[in-house]
Amino acid sequence: MDATIRPRTSAAVPLRFSPPVGGVAGTSFKPEHLTAILEECPHRGFFEVHAENYMGAGGPPHRMLERLRRDHPLSLHGVCMSIGGPAPLDRAHLARFRGLVARYQPALVSEHLAWSTHGTSFFNDLLPLPYNKGTLTRVCDHIDEVQEAIRRPILLENPSTYVAFRNSTMCETDFIRTVAERTGCGLLLDINNVFVSAANHCFSALQYLADFPLAGVGEIHLAGHAEQGDDEGKLLLIDSHDGPVADAVWKLFEIVIARCGPVPTLIEWDSNIPDWPVLQAEAAAAQAILDRHIGRVRRAA
């Protein structure tokens, strides 16, 4: 293994939780919520953080995350690996990502089916891909490289999209299924992304979920979205993560959980951050759905 991607292990945090986290609901971790979270310990759920916010060597971000990690499982969610990008993966970025996995030993590790780099530039967007043979090979090669570096499978998240490519030769669900089969990665099903893409491209979210390889799902994301108009005045949904989960997305979530059973579920809320009780209530709503189906699984057994 290249010396540039050896992890730093001296700062590893003593752990109280081992994966999997089970059928529990979690939330995005925001530093302004830390005091409220610690005051109510123990907390049943887990917390997810964006890897790129913790790629420095130390300082306040790591002190807060270390304190949180002592009592709670973590999900590490990458947003800048550019799994679908045409260029080789950034070795320095991968090294930092591997170091975080070694340092915090998260219960779940995930990345996006998207690209976000060009040359030495990083874009603050998760850009869509054409679904064809060339893209498939590139995505699989990059996932293999990440999984080899961190010595564990990742979960790959389905995107929210606003454009489609004429040179796509596969539908998104078939593409994702094939990637998972070839690489052994798991899947992160973002149900809000499904709803947003379905509305923007005029396809059925229910049919998409019927076609999705639910057996491979290791985590679910729920989030709010915003409504805009495109240049022609037609409705355009944006995966904004700035408000509560929509009723239609809750209904899709219940359908998915009824089909695949309780899966760790995260409430994403990344802008217009509310007070902790508001975010906590969203997680409690997800937990209520998960608990109902946990009870059904137990009774069936």
Protein backbone atom coordinates (compact mmCIF):
# COMPACT_ATOMS: atom_id res chain seq x y z
CA MET A 1 0.00 0.00 0.00
CA ASP A 2 1.23 3.45 -0.90
CA ALA A 3 2.72 5.21 2.12
CA THR A 4 0.63 8.29 1.39
CA ILE A 5 -2.57 6.56 2.45
CA ARG A 6 -1.49 5.02 5.73
CA PRO A 7 -3.86 6.11 8.50
CA ARG A 8 -2.97 7.94 11.66
CA THR A 9 -4.09 5.72 14.51
CA SER A 10 -2.61 7.49 17.53
CA ALA A 11 -5.71 9.65 17.98
CA ALA A 12 -8.21 6.78 17.81
CA VAL A 13 -11.16 7.24 20.14
CA PRO A 14 -12.11 4.44 22.59
CA LEU A 15 -15.31 2.92 21.24
CA ARG A 16 -18.51 1.80 22.94
CA PHE A 17 -20.44 0.87 19.81
CA SER A 18 -19.77 -1.64 17.07
CA PRO A 19 -21.45 -1.74 13.67
CA PRO A 20 -24.12 -2.27 12.61
CA VAL A 21 -26.13 0.40 14.38
CA GLY A 22 -29.39 -1.48 13.75
CA GLY A 23 -32.82 -0.07 12.99
CA VAL A 24 -32.37 3.32 14.60
CA ALA A 25 -32.82 6.88 13.41
CA GLY A 26 -30.05 9.47 13.51
CA THR A 27 -29.43 13.07 12.52
CA SER A 28 -26.78 15.19 10.92
CA PHE A 29 -24.43 16.51 13.59
CA LYS A 30 -24.21 20.28 13.83
CA PRO A 31 -21.74 21.81 16.32
CA GLU A 32 -24.35 24.24 17.66
CA HIS A 33 -26.33 21.24 18.93
CA LEU A 34 -23.51 19.60 20.89
CA THR A 35 -24.41 21.02 24.31
CA ALA A 36 -28.06 19.99 23.97
CA ILE A 37 -27.07 16.52 22.78
CA LEU A 38 -24.69 15.95 25.68
CA GLU A 39 -27.23 17.18 28.21
CA GLU A 40 -29.69 14.47 27.23
CA CYS A 41 -27.29 11.52 27.11
CA PRO A 42 -27.74 8.66 26.55
CA HIS A 43 -29.11 9.23 23.06
CA ARG A 44 -30.54 6.24 21.20
CA GLY A 45 -29.63 7.30 17.69
CA PHE A 46 -26.48 7.89 15.70
CA PHE A 47 -24.95 10.98 14.09
CA GLU A 48 -23.63 11.58 10.61
CA VAL A 49 -20.87 14.01 9.68
CA HIS A 50 -19.45 15.13 6.37
CA ALA A 51 -15.91 13.84 6.15
CA GLU A 52 -14.57 17.01 4.57
CA ASN A 53 -15.43 19.05 7.67
CA TYR A 54 -12.94 17.02 9.73
CA MET A 55 -9.93 16.64 7.48
CA GLY A 56 -7.71 18.96 9.48
CA ALA A 57 -5.27 17.44 11.93
CA GLY A 58 -6.96 18.76 15.09
CA GLY A 59 -8.59 21.78 16.65
CA PRO A 60 -12.15 22.43 17.85
CA PRO A 61 -13.90 20.33 15.15
CA HIS A 62 -12.05 17.20 16.25
CA ARG A 63 -12.48 17.94 19.94
CA MET A 64 -16.24 18.17 19.45
CA LEU A 65 -16.38 15.04 17.33
CA GLU A 66 -14.24 13.07 19.78
CA ARG A 67 -16.59 14.05 22.60
CA LEU A 68 -19.62 13.01 20.58
CA ARG A 69 -18.01 9.74 19.48
CA ARG A 70 -17.40 8.56 23.05
CA ASP A 71 -21.11 7.92 23.51
CA HIS A 72 -22.63 7.66 20.03
CA PRO A 73 -22.12 5.73 16.80
CA LEU A 74 -21.03 7.79 13.80
CA SER A 75 -21.79 7.63 10.11
CA LEU A 76 -19.03 9.17 7.97
CA HIS A 77 -20.43 10.68 4.78
CA GLY A 78 -18.05 11.80 2.05
CA VAL A 79 -19.09 14.51 -0.39
CA CYS A 80 -15.95 15.31 -2.42
CA MET A 81 -14.38 11.98 -3.46
CA SER A 82 -15.74 12.43 -7.00
CA ILE A 83 -16.41 8.72 -7.42
CA GLY A 84 -17.77 9.31 -10.92
CA GLY A 85 -15.15 11.80 -12.08
CA PRO A 86 -13.04 11.11 -15.18
CA ALA A 87 -9.75 11.84 -13.40
CA PRO A 88 -7.98 9.53 -10.95
CA LEU A 89 -9.04 9.90 -7.34
CA ASP A 90 -7.16 12.57 -5.41
CA ARG A 91 -4.62 10.60 -3.40
CA ALA A 92 -4.25 13.22 -0.67
CA HIS A 93 -8.02 13.41 -0.22
CA LEU A 94 -8.27 9.63 -0.06
CA ALA A 95 -5.49 9.55 2.53
CA ARG A 96 -7.35 12.02 4.73
CA PHE A 97 -10.56 10.06 4.29
CA ARG A 98 -8.83 6.84 5.30
CA GLY A 99 -7.33 8.57 8.32
CA LEU A 100 -10.79 9.63 9.50
CA VAL A 101 -12.13 6.08 9.15
CA ALA A 102 -9.22 4.77 11.22
CA ARG A 103 -9.50 7.54 13.80
CA TYR A 104 -13.27 7.36 14.46
CA GLN A 105 -14.13 3.83 13.30
CA PRO A 106 -17.59 4.84 12.10
CA ALA A 107 -20.43 2.37 12.00
CA LEU A 108 -21.24 3.45 8.44
CA VAL A 109 -19.13 4.97 5.64
CA SER A 110 -20.69 6.39 2.49
CA GLU A 111 -20.07 8.42 -0.66
CA HIS A 112 -22.08 9.75 -3.60
CA LEU A 113 -22.67 8.48 -7.11
CA ALA A 114 -21.57 11.78 -8.62
CA TRP A 115 -18.56 13.79 -9.72
CA SER A 116 -17.35 17.08 -8.27
CA THR A 117 -13.80 17.74 -9.50
CA HIS A 118 -12.10 18.91 -12.67
CA GLY A 119 -8.35 19.17 -12.72
CA THR A 120 -7.38 20.83 -9.46
CA SER A 121 -10.81 22.40 -8.93
CA PHE A 122 -13.40 21.13 -6.43
CA PHE A 123 -17.01 22.12 -7.10
CA ASN A 124 -19.60 22.62 -4.39
CA ASP A 125 -21.98 20.39 -6.32
CA LEU A 126 -22.70 16.70 -6.77
CA LEU A 127 -22.89 16.53 -10.55
CA PRO A 128 -24.74 13.80 -12.48
CA LEU A 129 -23.31 11.06 -14.67
CA PRO A 130 -24.27 9.34 -17.92
CA TYR A 131 -25.14 5.71 -17.20
CA ASN A 132 -23.14 3.75 -19.75
CA LYS A 133 -20.34 1.19 -19.96
CA GLY A 134 -17.50 3.70 -19.68
CA THR A 135 -18.95 5.39 -16.60
CA LEU A 136 -19.69 2.00 -15.04
CA THR A 137 -16.08 0.88 -15.35
CA ARG A 138 -14.76 4.15 -13.94
CA VAL A 139 -17.15 4.18 -10.98
CA CYS A 140 -16.36 0.55 -10.13
CA ASP A 141 -12.62 1.16 -10.34
CA HIS A 142 -12.87 4.16 -8.03
CA ILE A 143 -15.04 2.33 -5.50
CA ASP A 144 -12.57 -0.57 -5.51
CA GLU A 145 -9.78 1.92 -4.80
CA VAL A 146 -11.62 3.54 -1.90
CA GLN A 147 -12.60 0.21 -0.35
CA GLU A 148 -9.05 -1.10 -0.68
CA ALA A 149 -7.73 2.04 1.00
CA ILE A 150 -10.11 1.97 3.99
CA ARG A 151 -10.25 -1.86 4.17
CA ARG A 152 -14.05 -1.99 4.35
CA PRO A 153 -17.09 -1.59 2.07
CA ILE A 154 -18.68 1.78 1.53
CA LEU A 155 -22.31 2.65 0.91
CA LEU A 156 -23.00 4.37 -2.42
CA GLU A 157 -25.77 7.00 -2.46
CA ASN A 158 -28.20 7.45 -5.33
CA PRO A 159 -28.20 11.04 -6.62
CA SER A 160 -30.77 13.78 -6.98
CA THR A 161 -30.62 14.93 -10.60
CA TYR A 162 -31.81 17.87 -12.66
CA VAL A 163 -30.57 16.82 -16.10
CA ALA A 164 -30.31 13.50 -17.93
CA PHE A 165 -27.85 12.37 -20.61
CA ARG A 166 -28.79 11.24 -24.11
CA ASN A 167 -25.85 8.82 -24.14
CA SER A 168 -27.05 6.86 -21.11
CA THR A 169 -27.63 3.20 -22.04
CA MET A 170 -28.80 1.98 -18.62
CA CYS A 171 -31.42 3.18 -16.19
CA GLU A 172 -30.18 4.43 -12.83
CA THR A 173 -31.39 1.45 -10.80
CA ASP A 174 -29.72 -1.06 -13.14
CA PHE A 175 -26.51 0.99 -13.05
CA ILE A 176 -26.49 1.06 -9.24
CA ARG A 177 -27.32 -2.65 -9.02
CA THR A 178 -24.43 -3.53 -11.34
CA VAL A 179 -21.98 -1.33 -9.42
CA ALA A 180 -22.92 -3.05 -6.16
CA GLU A 181 -22.58 -6.51 -7.70
CA ARG A 182 -19.15 -5.78 -9.20
CA THR A 183 -17.61 -4.00 -6.22
CA GLY A 184 -19.36 -5.52 -3.21
CA CYS A 185 -20.28 -2.06 -1.95
CA GLY A 186 -23.49 -1.45 -0.05
CA LEU A 187 -26.08 1.18 -0.90
CA LEU A 188 -27.34 4.34 0.75
CA LEU A 189 -30.90 4.96 -0.39
CA ASP A 190 -31.77 8.64 -0.25
CA ILE A 191 -35.55 8.66 -0.55
CA ASN A 192 -35.76 12.43 -0.91
CA ASN A 193 -33.36 12.17 -3.86
CA VAL A 194 -35.69 9.62 -5.45
CA PHE A 195 -38.67 11.93 -4.97
CA VAL A 196 -36.80 14.97 -6.32
CA SER A 197 -35.47 13.17 -9.40
CA ALA A 198 -38.85 11.56 -10.10
CA ALA A 199 -40.58 14.94 -10.06
CA ASN A 200 -37.89 16.60 -12.20
CA HIS A 201 -37.77 13.84 -14.83
CA CYS A 202 -41.44 12.81 -14.71
CA PHE A 203 -41.01 9.19 -13.69
CA SER A 204 -42.65 7.18 -10.92
CA ALA A 205 -40.88 7.21 -7.55
CA LEU A 206 -42.78 4.06 -6.61
CA GLN A 207 -41.56 2.24 -9.73
CA TYR A 208 -38.00 3.40 -9.07
CA LEU A 209 -38.16 1.98 -5.55
CA ALA A 210 -39.67 -1.26 -6.87
CA ASP A 211 -36.66 -1.58 -9.19
CA PHE A 212 -34.07 -0.54 -6.61
CA PRO A 213 -31.91 -3.33 -5.08
CA LEU A 214 -33.27 -2.87 -1.55
CA ALA A 215 -31.43 -5.94 -0.24
CA GLY A 216 -28.18 -3.98 -0.48
CA VAL A 217 -29.36 -0.90 1.44
CA GLY A 218 -27.34 -0.26 4.61
CA GLU A 219 -28.60 3.26 5.36
CA ILE A 220 -31.47 5.53 4.37
CA HIS A 221 -31.45 9.32 4.09
CA LEU A 222 -34.48 11.56 4.54
CA ALA A 223 -34.40 15.31 3.97
CA GLY A 224 -36.41 18.34 2.96
CA HIS A 225 -36.52 19.82 -0.52
CA ALA A 226 -37.39 23.16 -2.05
CA GLU A 227 -39.66 24.05 -4.97
CA GLN A 228 -38.50 26.36 -7.76
CA GLY A 229 -39.46 27.06 -11.34
CA ASP A 230 -37.20 26.27 -14.27
CA ASP A 231 -36.60 28.60 -17.25
CA GLU A 232 -39.88 27.47 -18.79
CA GLY A 233 -41.87 28.01 -15.60
CA LYS A 234 -42.19 24.30 -14.84
CA LEU A 235 -41.81 22.94 -11.31
CA LEU A 236 -38.25 22.06 -10.35
CA LEU A 237 -37.46 20.39 -7.03
CA ILE A 238 -34.11 21.05 -5.34
CA ASP A 239 -32.54 18.71 -2.80
CA SER A 240 -31.97 21.60 -0.40
CA HIS A 241 -31.77 19.93 3.06
CA ASP A 242 -33.15 23.09 4.58
CA GLY A 243 -36.51 22.06 6.02
CA PRO A 244 -38.62 19.19 7.33
CA VAL A 245 -39.20 15.97 5.43
CA ALA A 246 -42.20 16.26 3.09
CA ASP A 247 -45.29 14.14 3.68
CA ALA A 248 -44.85 12.34 0.35
CA VAL A 249 -41.30 11.37 1.28
CA TRP A 250 -42.50 10.01 4.65
CA LYS A 251 -45.00 7.84 2.77
CA LEU A 252 -42.28 6.48 0.48
CA PHE A 253 -40.12 5.79 3.53
CA GLU A 254 -42.86 3.73 5.15
CA ILE A 255 -43.27 1.72 1.94
CA VAL A 256 -39.53 1.02 1.78
CA ILE A 257 -39.29 -0.03 5.43
CA ALA A 258 -42.28 -2.34 4.98
CA ARG A 259 -40.41 -4.03 2.13
CA CYS A 260 -36.87 -4.26 3.48
CA GLY A 261 -37.30 -4.02 7.24
CA PRO A 262 -35.73 -1.51 9.65
CA VAL A 263 -32.59 0.16 8.29
CA PRO A 264 -30.48 2.87 9.96
CA THR A 265 -32.14 6.11 8.87
CA LEU A 266 -30.71 9.60 8.90
CA ILE A 267 -32.45 12.97 8.91
CA GLU A 268 -30.33 15.40 6.86
CA TRP A 269 -30.68 19.11 7.62
CA ASP A 270 -27.73 21.17 6.37
CA SER A 271 -28.93 24.78 6.06
CA ASN A 272 -31.41 26.98 7.92
CA ILE A 273 -30.41 24.82 10.86
CA PRO A 274 -33.23 24.62 13.45
CA ASP A 275 -32.91 24.24 17.21
CA TRP A 276 -32.05 20.74 18.35
CA PRO A 277 -35.61 19.79 19.45
CA VAL A 278 -36.88 20.37 15.89
CA LEU A 279 -34.28 18.06 14.36
CA GLN A 280 -34.79 15.59 17.19
CA ALA A 281 -38.54 15.49 16.46
CA GLU A 282 -37.88 14.57 12.81
CA ALA A 283 -35.66 11.71 13.96
CA ALA A 284 -38.34 10.61 16.44
CA ALA A 285 -40.87 10.44 13.59
CA ALA A 286 -38.52 8.20 11.62
CA GLN A 287 -37.87 6.09 14.71
CA ALA A 288 -41.60 5.55 15.24
CA ILE A 289 -41.88 4.07 11.75
CA LEU A 290 -38.80 1.90 12.26
CA ASP A 291 -40.10 0.67 15.63
CA ARG A 292 -43.44 -0.37 14.17
CA HIS A 293 -41.67 -2.56 11.67
CA ILE A 294 -39.20 -3.90 14.22
CA GLY A 295 -42.24 -5.12 16.15
CA ARG A 296 -43.67 -6.79 13.04
CA VAL A 297 -40.37 -8.55 12.33
CA ARG A 298 -40.22 -9.88 15.89
CA ARG A 299 -43.83 -11.10 15.80
CA ALA A 300 -43.21 -12.83 12.46
CA ALA A 301 -40.16 -14.60 13.91
